[in-house]
Amino acid sequence: MGASDERYSPIARLIHWLTAILVLTMVPAGLVMIRIDSGPLQNQLFDYHRSVGIVLMILTLIRLGYRLTHKPAPLPEGMPLWQQFAAKATHAFLYGFLLVNPFIGWVATSAYGAAISVFGLFTMPAIVAKDRALADQLFQIHLVLGLLFTAAVVLHIAAALYHGLVRKDGVLGRMI
């Protein structure tokens, strides 16, 4: 079996696809919730977005712990150096984002004075005092990082499809 044929473990694939599903539902919810009028739908989208953000932060910690103890599948032999760098940099950004931006959202929501109920199961504690000016600044940072994250996700998906459909080097199949 060549390096490009080595598959990720079932646990790594499960965490990856669970993360993907959560991200692909949370990002649109976040974009819609800030563009619609106040009301029940907006409240539901805020609750969903916040809940998924906390779940993603926890899931990412689990994923990083798993990755530290389980070496990822190697990149294909002959992969250009710039693609190797792009793959590693994109993954580092995605992991970093999945930890940092939910935390920023949590701080911003605390500063706004709103509670974060995670799917009605438990409520996250406020971690800063109410401060609307701070909340506004942090929500802007959260939004910008979210847009950068969305671009990185699109790049990640495009690269996976390129490897699966154009290069046919086994990279896509390792995670499916």
N, C-alpha and C. Protein backbone atom coordinates (compact mmCIF):
# COMPACT_ATOMS: atom_id res chain seq x y z
N MET A 1 0.85 -1.19 0.00
CA MET A 1 0.00 0.00 0.00
C MET A 1 0.88 1.24 0.00
N GLY A 2 0.67 2.15 -0.96
CA GLY A 2 1.47 3.37 -1.05
C GLY A 2 1.00 4.40 -0.04
N ALA A 3 1.81 5.42 0.12
CA ALA A 3 1.48 6.48 1.10
C ALA A 3 0.14 7.11 0.77
N SER A 4 -0.15 7.28 -0.53
CA SER A 4 -1.40 7.94 -0.89
C SER A 4 -2.61 7.02 -0.69
N ASP A 5 -2.37 5.70 -0.51
CA ASP A 5 -3.45 4.76 -0.31
C ASP A 5 -3.78 4.55 1.17
N GLU A 6 -2.92 5.02 2.07
CA GLU A 6 -3.12 4.82 3.49
C GLU A 6 -4.32 5.64 3.95
N ARG A 7 -5.27 4.95 4.57
CA ARG A 7 -6.51 5.62 5.00
C ARG A 7 -6.36 6.14 6.41
N TYR A 8 -7.16 7.16 6.71
CA TYR A 8 -7.27 7.62 8.08
C TYR A 8 -8.05 6.58 8.86
N SER A 9 -7.87 6.57 10.17
CA SER A 9 -8.58 5.61 11.02
C SER A 9 -10.07 5.94 11.01
N PRO A 10 -10.90 4.96 11.36
CA PRO A 10 -12.34 5.25 11.44
C PRO A 10 -12.66 6.38 12.42
N ILE A 11 -11.94 6.48 13.52
CA ILE A 11 -12.19 7.56 14.48
C ILE A 11 -11.84 8.91 13.86
N ALA A 12 -10.70 9.00 13.19
CA ALA A 12 -10.30 10.26 12.54
C ALA A 12 -11.32 10.65 11.47
N ARG A 13 -11.80 9.69 10.71
CA ARG A 13 -12.80 9.99 9.67
C ARG A 13 -14.12 10.42 10.29
N LEU A 14 -14.53 9.76 11.38
CA LEU A 14 -15.77 10.14 12.05
C LEU A 14 -15.69 11.57 12.57
N ILE A 15 -14.60 11.90 13.22
CA ILE A 15 -14.44 13.27 13.75
C ILE A 15 -14.42 14.27 12.61
N HIS A 16 -13.71 13.93 11.51
CA HIS A 16 -13.64 14.83 10.35
C HIS A 16 -15.03 15.11 9.78
N TRP A 17 -15.80 14.05 9.53
CA TRP A 17 -17.09 14.24 8.89
C TRP A 17 -18.12 14.85 9.82
N LEU A 18 -18.04 14.55 11.11
CA LEU A 18 -18.92 15.22 12.07
C LEU A 18 -18.61 16.72 12.10
N THR A 19 -17.32 17.04 12.11
CA THR A 19 -16.91 18.45 12.06
C THR A 19 -17.42 19.11 10.78
N ALA A 20 -17.25 18.42 9.66
CA ALA A 20 -17.68 18.97 8.37
C ALA A 20 -19.18 19.28 8.37
N ILE A 21 -19.98 18.33 8.84
CA ILE A 21 -21.44 18.52 8.87
C ILE A 21 -21.80 19.70 9.76
N LEU A 22 -21.17 19.78 10.93
CA LEU A 22 -21.47 20.89 11.84
C LEU A 22 -21.06 22.23 11.25
N VAL A 23 -19.87 22.27 10.63
CA VAL A 23 -19.40 23.52 10.02
C VAL A 23 -20.31 23.93 8.86
N LEU A 24 -20.67 22.97 8.02
CA LEU A 24 -21.47 23.29 6.84
C LEU A 24 -22.91 23.66 7.18
N THR A 25 -23.32 23.48 8.43
CA THR A 25 -24.64 23.96 8.86
C THR A 25 -24.51 25.22 9.71
N MET A 26 -23.43 25.31 10.50
CA MET A 26 -23.26 26.44 11.40
C MET A 26 -22.93 27.73 10.64
N VAL A 27 -22.06 27.66 9.66
CA VAL A 27 -21.66 28.87 8.93
C VAL A 27 -22.87 29.52 8.24
N PRO A 28 -23.65 28.77 7.47
CA PRO A 28 -24.84 29.43 6.88
C PRO A 28 -25.80 29.97 7.94
N ALA A 29 -25.98 29.22 9.04
CA ALA A 29 -26.86 29.71 10.11
C ALA A 29 -26.35 31.04 10.64
N GLY A 30 -25.03 31.15 10.81
CA GLY A 30 -24.44 32.40 11.30
C GLY A 30 -24.64 33.55 10.33
N LEU A 31 -24.49 33.28 9.05
CA LEU A 31 -24.68 34.34 8.06
C LEU A 31 -26.13 34.79 7.95
N VAL A 32 -27.05 33.84 8.04
CA VAL A 32 -28.47 34.18 7.94
C VAL A 32 -28.95 34.90 9.19
N MET A 33 -28.52 34.43 10.37
CA MET A 33 -29.06 34.98 11.63
C MET A 33 -28.79 36.47 11.80
N ILE A 34 -27.69 36.96 11.22
CA ILE A 34 -27.39 38.38 11.37
C ILE A 34 -28.03 39.24 10.28
N ARG A 35 -28.73 38.60 9.35
CA ARG A 35 -29.33 39.34 8.24
C ARG A 35 -30.85 39.31 8.24
N ILE A 36 -31.45 38.61 9.20
CA ILE A 36 -32.91 38.54 9.23
C ILE A 36 -33.44 39.36 10.41
N ASP A 37 -34.72 39.65 10.35
CA ASP A 37 -35.36 40.42 11.42
C ASP A 37 -35.42 39.62 12.71
N SER A 38 -35.47 40.34 13.82
CA SER A 38 -35.62 39.71 15.13
C SER A 38 -36.89 38.88 15.15
N GLY A 39 -36.82 37.78 15.87
CA GLY A 39 -37.99 36.92 15.99
C GLY A 39 -37.58 35.50 16.32
N PRO A 40 -38.55 34.60 16.32
CA PRO A 40 -38.27 33.21 16.72
C PRO A 40 -37.22 32.52 15.84
N LEU A 41 -37.27 32.74 14.52
CA LEU A 41 -36.29 32.09 13.65
C LEU A 41 -34.88 32.59 13.95
N GLN A 42 -34.74 33.89 14.11
CA GLN A 42 -33.42 34.44 14.43
C GLN A 42 -32.92 33.88 15.77
N ASN A 43 -33.80 33.80 16.75
CA ASN A 43 -33.40 33.25 18.05
C ASN A 43 -32.96 31.79 17.92
N GLN A 44 -33.69 31.00 17.14
CA GLN A 44 -33.32 29.60 16.93
C GLN A 44 -31.97 29.49 16.24
N LEU A 45 -31.73 30.35 15.24
CA LEU A 45 -30.45 30.32 14.53
C LEU A 45 -29.29 30.72 15.46
N PHE A 46 -29.51 31.74 16.29
CA PHE A 46 -28.49 32.13 17.26
C PHE A 46 -28.19 30.97 18.21
N ASP A 47 -29.24 30.34 18.73
CA ASP A 47 -29.05 29.21 19.65
C ASP A 47 -28.29 28.08 18.97
N TYR A 48 -28.68 27.77 17.74
CA TYR A 48 -28.01 26.69 17.00
C TYR A 48 -26.54 27.04 16.75
N HIS A 49 -26.29 28.25 16.27
CA HIS A 49 -24.93 28.69 15.95
C HIS A 49 -24.04 28.64 17.19
N ARG A 50 -24.54 29.15 18.30
CA ARG A 50 -23.77 29.15 19.54
C ARG A 50 -23.53 27.72 20.04
N SER A 51 -24.57 26.90 20.00
CA SER A 51 -24.43 25.51 20.47
C SER A 51 -23.41 24.75 19.64
N VAL A 52 -23.51 24.87 18.33
CA VAL A 52 -22.58 24.16 17.46
C VAL A 52 -21.17 24.70 17.64
N GLY A 53 -21.03 26.00 17.85
CA GLY A 53 -19.70 26.57 18.08
C GLY A 53 -19.03 25.93 19.29
N ILE A 54 -19.77 25.77 20.39
CA ILE A 54 -19.20 25.15 21.59
C ILE A 54 -18.88 23.69 21.32
N VAL A 55 -19.78 22.98 20.66
CA VAL A 55 -19.53 21.56 20.34
C VAL A 55 -18.29 21.44 19.45
N LEU A 56 -18.15 22.32 18.46
CA LEU A 56 -16.98 22.28 17.59
C LEU A 56 -15.69 22.55 18.35
N MET A 57 -15.73 23.48 19.29
CA MET A 57 -14.54 23.78 20.08
C MET A 57 -14.12 22.54 20.88
N ILE A 58 -15.08 21.88 21.50
CA ILE A 58 -14.79 20.67 22.28
C ILE A 58 -14.34 19.54 21.36
N LEU A 59 -15.03 19.36 20.24
CA LEU A 59 -14.68 18.31 19.29
C LEU A 59 -13.26 18.53 18.73
N THR A 60 -12.90 19.78 18.51
CA THR A 60 -11.56 20.08 18.01
C THR A 60 -10.50 19.75 19.04
N LEU A 61 -10.77 20.00 20.30
CA LEU A 61 -9.82 19.60 21.35
C LEU A 61 -9.64 18.08 21.36
N ILE A 62 -10.73 17.36 21.22
CA ILE A 62 -10.66 15.89 21.13
C ILE A 62 -9.87 15.49 19.90
N ARG A 63 -10.17 16.14 18.79
CA ARG A 63 -9.49 15.82 17.53
C ARG A 63 -7.99 16.08 17.61
N LEU A 64 -7.61 17.20 18.22
CA LEU A 64 -6.19 17.50 18.36
C LEU A 64 -5.50 16.50 19.28
N GLY A 65 -6.18 16.13 20.36
CA GLY A 65 -5.62 15.10 21.25
C GLY A 65 -5.44 13.78 20.51
N TYR A 66 -6.41 13.42 19.72
CA TYR A 66 -6.31 12.19 18.93
C TYR A 66 -5.17 12.28 17.92
N ARG A 67 -5.07 13.42 17.27
CA ARG A 67 -4.03 13.59 16.25
C ARG A 67 -2.62 13.57 16.86
N LEU A 68 -2.49 14.06 18.09
CA LEU A 68 -1.19 14.02 18.75
C LEU A 68 -0.76 12.59 19.07
N THR A 69 -1.73 11.71 19.24
CA THR A 69 -1.41 10.32 19.58
C THR A 69 -1.55 9.37 18.39
N HIS A 70 -2.05 9.86 17.26
CA HIS A 70 -2.22 9.04 16.06
C HIS A 70 -1.73 9.83 14.85
N LYS A 71 -0.65 9.38 14.29
CA LYS A 71 -0.04 10.08 13.15
C LYS A 71 -1.01 10.10 11.96
N PRO A 72 -1.17 11.26 11.32
CA PRO A 72 -2.06 11.33 10.16
C PRO A 72 -1.45 10.59 8.96
N ALA A 73 -2.31 10.23 8.03
CA ALA A 73 -1.83 9.59 6.81
C ALA A 73 -0.86 10.53 6.10
N PRO A 74 0.22 10.00 5.54
CA PRO A 74 1.20 10.86 4.87
C PRO A 74 0.66 11.44 3.57
N LEU A 75 1.25 12.55 3.17
CA LEU A 75 0.91 13.15 1.89
C LEU A 75 1.49 12.27 0.78
N PRO A 76 0.89 12.30 -0.41
CA PRO A 76 1.37 11.46 -1.50
C PRO A 76 2.81 11.80 -1.90
N GLU A 77 3.55 10.77 -2.28
CA GLU A 77 4.90 10.99 -2.79
C GLU A 77 4.79 11.78 -4.08
N GLY A 78 5.73 12.68 -4.29
CA GLY A 78 5.73 13.48 -5.51
C GLY A 78 4.81 14.69 -5.45
N MET A 79 4.17 14.91 -4.34
CA MET A 79 3.32 16.09 -4.21
C MET A 79 4.23 17.32 -4.16
N PRO A 80 3.98 18.33 -5.00
CA PRO A 80 4.83 19.52 -5.02
C PRO A 80 4.93 20.16 -3.62
N LEU A 81 6.09 20.73 -3.33
CA LEU A 81 6.32 21.33 -2.02
C LEU A 81 5.31 22.42 -1.69
N TRP A 82 4.94 23.23 -2.68
CA TRP A 82 3.99 24.30 -2.41
C TRP A 82 2.63 23.73 -2.00
N GLN A 83 2.24 22.57 -2.56
CA GLN A 83 0.98 21.94 -2.17
C GLN A 83 1.08 21.34 -0.77
N GLN A 84 2.24 20.79 -0.44
CA GLN A 84 2.46 20.26 0.90
C GLN A 84 2.34 21.40 1.92
N PHE A 85 2.97 22.52 1.61
CA PHE A 85 2.90 23.69 2.49
C PHE A 85 1.46 24.18 2.61
N ALA A 86 0.77 24.29 1.46
CA ALA A 86 -0.62 24.77 1.47
C ALA A 86 -1.51 23.83 2.29
N ALA A 87 -1.31 22.53 2.15
CA ALA A 87 -2.12 21.57 2.90
C ALA A 87 -1.88 21.72 4.40
N LYS A 88 -0.63 21.81 4.80
CA LYS A 88 -0.31 21.94 6.23
C LYS A 88 -0.79 23.28 6.78
N ALA A 89 -0.60 24.35 6.02
CA ALA A 89 -1.02 25.67 6.49
C ALA A 89 -2.54 25.74 6.60
N THR A 90 -3.25 25.19 5.63
CA THR A 90 -4.71 25.22 5.67
C THR A 90 -5.23 24.41 6.85
N HIS A 91 -4.65 23.23 7.06
CA HIS A 91 -5.08 22.42 8.21
C HIS A 91 -4.80 23.14 9.53
N ALA A 92 -3.63 23.76 9.64
CA ALA A 92 -3.29 24.49 10.87
C ALA A 92 -4.29 25.63 11.10
N PHE A 93 -4.63 26.35 10.03
CA PHE A 93 -5.60 27.44 10.16
C PHE A 93 -6.97 26.89 10.57
N LEU A 94 -7.41 25.80 9.94
CA LEU A 94 -8.71 25.23 10.27
C LEU A 94 -8.78 24.80 11.73
N TYR A 95 -7.75 24.09 12.20
CA TYR A 95 -7.71 23.68 13.60
C TYR A 95 -7.70 24.90 14.52
N GLY A 96 -6.83 25.86 14.21
CA GLY A 96 -6.73 27.07 15.04
C GLY A 96 -8.05 27.81 15.09
N PHE A 97 -8.67 27.96 13.93
CA PHE A 97 -9.95 28.66 13.88
C PHE A 97 -10.99 27.95 14.73
N LEU A 98 -11.05 26.62 14.60
CA LEU A 98 -12.08 25.85 15.31
C LEU A 98 -11.91 25.90 16.83
N LEU A 99 -10.77 26.39 17.28
CA LEU A 99 -10.57 26.63 18.71
C LEU A 99 -10.77 28.10 19.06
N VAL A 100 -10.17 28.98 18.27
CA VAL A 100 -10.13 30.40 18.61
C VAL A 100 -11.46 31.11 18.36
N ASN A 101 -12.06 30.90 17.19
CA ASN A 101 -13.26 31.68 16.88
C ASN A 101 -14.47 31.32 17.75
N PRO A 102 -14.69 30.05 18.06
CA PRO A 102 -15.78 29.79 19.02
C PRO A 102 -15.51 30.43 20.38
N PHE A 103 -14.24 30.46 20.79
CA PHE A 103 -13.90 31.10 22.07
C PHE A 103 -14.19 32.60 21.99
N ILE A 104 -13.82 33.23 20.86
CA ILE A 104 -14.11 34.66 20.68
C ILE A 104 -15.62 34.89 20.71
N GLY A 105 -16.38 34.00 20.05
CA GLY A 105 -17.83 34.11 20.07
C GLY A 105 -18.39 33.98 21.48
N TRP A 106 -17.81 33.09 22.27
CA TRP A 106 -18.23 32.90 23.66
C TRP A 106 -17.96 34.17 24.48
N VAL A 107 -16.76 34.73 24.32
CA VAL A 107 -16.42 35.96 25.03
C VAL A 107 -17.33 37.10 24.58
N ALA A 108 -17.54 37.22 23.27
CA ALA A 108 -18.39 38.29 22.74
C ALA A 108 -19.82 38.17 23.25
N THR A 109 -20.33 36.94 23.26
CA THR A 109 -21.69 36.71 23.74
C THR A 109 -21.80 37.03 25.22
N SER A 110 -20.77 36.68 25.98
CA SER A 110 -20.73 37.02 27.41
C SER A 110 -20.73 38.54 27.57
N ALA A 111 -19.90 39.23 26.79
CA ALA A 111 -19.83 40.69 26.88
C ALA A 111 -21.14 41.33 26.45
N TYR A 112 -21.85 40.69 25.55
CA TYR A 112 -23.15 41.20 25.11
C TYR A 112 -24.20 41.04 26.20
N GLY A 113 -23.99 40.04 27.04
CA GLY A 113 -24.94 39.80 28.12
C GLY A 113 -25.92 38.68 27.83
N ALA A 114 -25.65 37.91 26.78
CA ALA A 114 -26.53 36.80 26.43
C ALA A 114 -25.95 35.49 26.96
N ALA A 115 -26.83 34.55 27.22
CA ALA A 115 -26.40 33.24 27.68
C ALA A 115 -26.18 32.31 26.48
N ILE A 116 -25.33 31.33 26.65
CA ILE A 116 -25.12 30.30 25.63
C ILE A 116 -25.62 28.99 26.22
N SER A 117 -26.80 28.60 25.81
CA SER A 117 -27.36 27.30 26.18
C SER A 117 -26.99 26.33 25.07
N VAL A 118 -26.29 25.28 25.42
CA VAL A 118 -25.82 24.32 24.42
C VAL A 118 -26.88 23.24 24.23
N PHE A 119 -27.67 23.43 23.18
CA PHE A 119 -28.77 22.53 22.83
C PHE A 119 -29.69 22.26 24.02
N GLY A 120 -29.81 23.25 24.93
CA GLY A 120 -30.69 23.11 26.08
C GLY A 120 -30.18 22.16 27.15
N LEU A 121 -28.99 21.63 26.97
CA LEU A 121 -28.44 20.65 27.91
C LEU A 121 -27.71 21.30 29.09
N PHE A 122 -26.98 22.36 28.80
CA PHE A 122 -26.26 23.09 29.84
C PHE A 122 -25.99 24.49 29.32
N THR A 123 -25.67 25.39 30.23
CA THR A 123 -25.40 26.78 29.86
C THR A 123 -23.95 27.08 30.16
N MET A 124 -23.28 27.67 29.19
CA MET A 124 -21.88 28.06 29.37
C MET A 124 -21.83 29.26 30.32
N PRO A 125 -20.84 29.29 31.18
CA PRO A 125 -20.73 30.44 32.09
C PRO A 125 -20.26 31.69 31.32
N ALA A 126 -20.71 32.84 31.78
CA ALA A 126 -20.20 34.10 31.21
C ALA A 126 -18.74 34.20 31.65
N ILE A 127 -17.87 34.61 30.72
CA ILE A 127 -16.45 34.68 31.08
C ILE A 127 -15.91 36.10 31.12
N VAL A 128 -16.76 37.07 30.80
CA VAL A 128 -16.42 38.48 30.99
C VAL A 128 -17.69 39.20 31.42
N ALA A 129 -17.50 40.36 32.02
CA ALA A 129 -18.64 41.18 32.42
C ALA A 129 -19.30 41.79 31.19
N LYS A 130 -20.55 42.18 31.36
CA LYS A 130 -21.29 42.80 30.27
C LYS A 130 -20.60 44.09 29.85
N ASP A 131 -20.33 44.21 28.54
CA ASP A 131 -19.64 45.37 27.99
C ASP A 131 -19.99 45.40 26.50
N ARG A 132 -21.01 46.15 26.14
CA ARG A 132 -21.50 46.17 24.76
C ARG A 132 -20.45 46.63 23.76
N ALA A 133 -19.61 47.58 24.13
CA ALA A 133 -18.56 48.05 23.20
C ALA A 133 -17.59 46.91 22.90
N LEU A 134 -17.18 46.18 23.93
CA LEU A 134 -16.29 45.03 23.73
C LEU A 134 -16.99 43.97 22.89
N ALA A 135 -18.26 43.72 23.19
CA ALA A 135 -19.03 42.73 22.42
C ALA A 135 -19.04 43.09 20.94
N ASP A 136 -19.32 44.34 20.62
CA ASP A 136 -19.37 44.78 19.22
C ASP A 136 -18.03 44.55 18.52
N GLN A 137 -16.94 44.89 19.19
CA GLN A 137 -15.60 44.68 18.60
C GLN A 137 -15.32 43.20 18.38
N LEU A 138 -15.63 42.40 19.39
CA LEU A 138 -15.36 40.95 19.28
C LEU A 138 -16.25 40.29 18.23
N PHE A 139 -17.49 40.73 18.12
CA PHE A 139 -18.37 40.16 17.08
C PHE A 139 -17.84 40.50 15.68
N GLN A 140 -17.25 41.69 15.51
CA GLN A 140 -16.66 42.04 14.22
C GLN A 140 -15.46 41.13 13.91
N ILE A 141 -14.62 40.90 14.91
CA ILE A 141 -13.49 39.99 14.74
C ILE A 141 -13.99 38.59 14.42
N HIS A 142 -15.01 38.15 15.14
CA HIS A 142 -15.62 36.83 14.94
C HIS A 142 -16.13 36.69 13.50
N LEU A 143 -16.77 37.73 12.99
CA LEU A 143 -17.29 37.72 11.63
C LEU A 143 -16.17 37.64 10.60
N VAL A 144 -15.15 38.48 10.76
CA VAL A 144 -14.03 38.47 9.80
C VAL A 144 -13.33 37.12 9.81
N LEU A 145 -13.07 36.59 11.00
CA LEU A 145 -12.44 35.26 11.07
C LEU A 145 -13.34 34.20 10.46
N GLY A 146 -14.64 34.34 10.66
CA GLY A 146 -15.59 33.40 10.08
C GLY A 146 -15.56 33.43 8.56
N LEU A 147 -15.43 34.61 7.98
CA LEU A 147 -15.34 34.72 6.52
C LEU A 147 -14.02 34.13 6.02
N LEU A 148 -12.93 34.37 6.73
CA LEU A 148 -11.65 33.76 6.37
C LEU A 148 -11.73 32.24 6.49
N PHE A 149 -12.38 31.78 7.54
CA PHE A 149 -12.56 30.34 7.74
C PHE A 149 -13.36 29.74 6.59
N THR A 150 -14.42 30.43 6.18
CA THR A 150 -15.24 29.94 5.07
C THR A 150 -14.39 29.81 3.81
N ALA A 151 -13.53 30.78 3.56
CA ALA A 151 -12.63 30.70 2.40
C ALA A 151 -11.69 29.50 2.52
N ALA A 152 -11.17 29.25 3.72
CA ALA A 152 -10.28 28.11 3.94
C ALA A 152 -11.03 26.79 3.74
N VAL A 153 -12.28 26.73 4.17
CA VAL A 153 -13.09 25.52 3.98
C VAL A 153 -13.31 25.27 2.50
N VAL A 154 -13.64 26.32 1.76
CA VAL A 154 -13.83 26.19 0.31
C VAL A 154 -12.52 25.72 -0.34
N LEU A 155 -11.39 26.28 0.07
CA LEU A 155 -10.10 25.84 -0.45
C LEU A 155 -9.85 24.38 -0.12
N HIS A 156 -10.15 23.97 1.10
CA HIS A 156 -9.96 22.58 1.55
C HIS A 156 -10.81 21.63 0.69
N ILE A 157 -12.07 21.97 0.47
CA ILE A 157 -12.96 21.14 -0.35
C ILE A 157 -12.47 21.10 -1.78
N ALA A 158 -12.07 22.25 -2.32
CA ALA A 158 -11.56 22.30 -3.71
C ALA A 158 -10.31 21.44 -3.85
N ALA A 159 -9.41 21.51 -2.88
CA ALA A 159 -8.18 20.71 -2.94
C ALA A 159 -8.51 19.22 -2.87
N ALA A 160 -9.45 18.85 -2.00
CA ALA A 160 -9.84 17.44 -1.90
C ALA A 160 -10.43 16.95 -3.23
N LEU A 161 -11.29 17.75 -3.84
CA LEU A 161 -11.87 17.37 -5.13
C LEU A 161 -10.81 17.32 -6.22
N TYR A 162 -9.86 18.25 -6.20
CA TYR A 162 -8.75 18.24 -7.16
C TYR A 162 -7.97 16.94 -7.04
N HIS A 163 -7.65 16.56 -5.81
CA HIS A 163 -6.89 15.32 -5.62
C HIS A 163 -7.72 14.10 -6.00
N GLY A 164 -9.03 14.14 -5.76
CA GLY A 164 -9.87 12.99 -6.06
C GLY A 164 -10.25 12.87 -7.52
N LEU A 165 -10.52 14.01 -8.18
CA LEU A 165 -11.04 13.97 -9.54
C LEU A 165 -10.00 14.25 -10.62
N VAL A 166 -8.98 15.05 -10.30
CA VAL A 166 -7.98 15.41 -11.30
C VAL A 166 -6.72 14.57 -11.14
N ARG A 167 -6.11 14.68 -9.98
CA ARG A 167 -4.86 13.94 -9.74
C ARG A 167 -5.09 12.45 -9.51
N LYS A 168 -6.24 12.12 -8.95
CA LYS A 168 -6.58 10.72 -8.66
C LYS A 168 -5.45 10.02 -7.91
N ASP A 169 -4.94 10.73 -6.87
CA ASP A 169 -3.79 10.23 -6.13
C ASP A 169 -4.14 9.58 -4.80
N GLY A 170 -5.43 9.36 -4.54
CA GLY A 170 -5.84 8.66 -3.34
C GLY A 170 -6.09 9.54 -2.13
N VAL A 171 -5.78 10.83 -2.21
CA VAL A 171 -5.94 11.71 -1.05
C VAL A 171 -7.40 11.78 -0.60
N LEU A 172 -8.30 11.97 -1.53
CA LEU A 172 -9.73 12.07 -1.18
C LEU A 172 -10.23 10.76 -0.59
N GLY A 173 -9.85 9.66 -1.18
CA GLY A 173 -10.33 8.36 -0.73
C GLY A 173 -9.88 7.99 0.67
N ARG A 174 -8.81 8.58 1.14
CA ARG A 174 -8.32 8.27 2.49
C ARG A 174 -9.25 8.73 3.58
N MET A 175 -10.04 9.77 3.29
CA MET A 175 -10.92 10.34 4.30
C MET A 175 -12.38 9.90 4.09
N ILE A 176 -12.66 9.29 2.97
CA ILE A 176 -14.04 8.83 2.70
C ILE A 176 -14.23 7.44 3.30
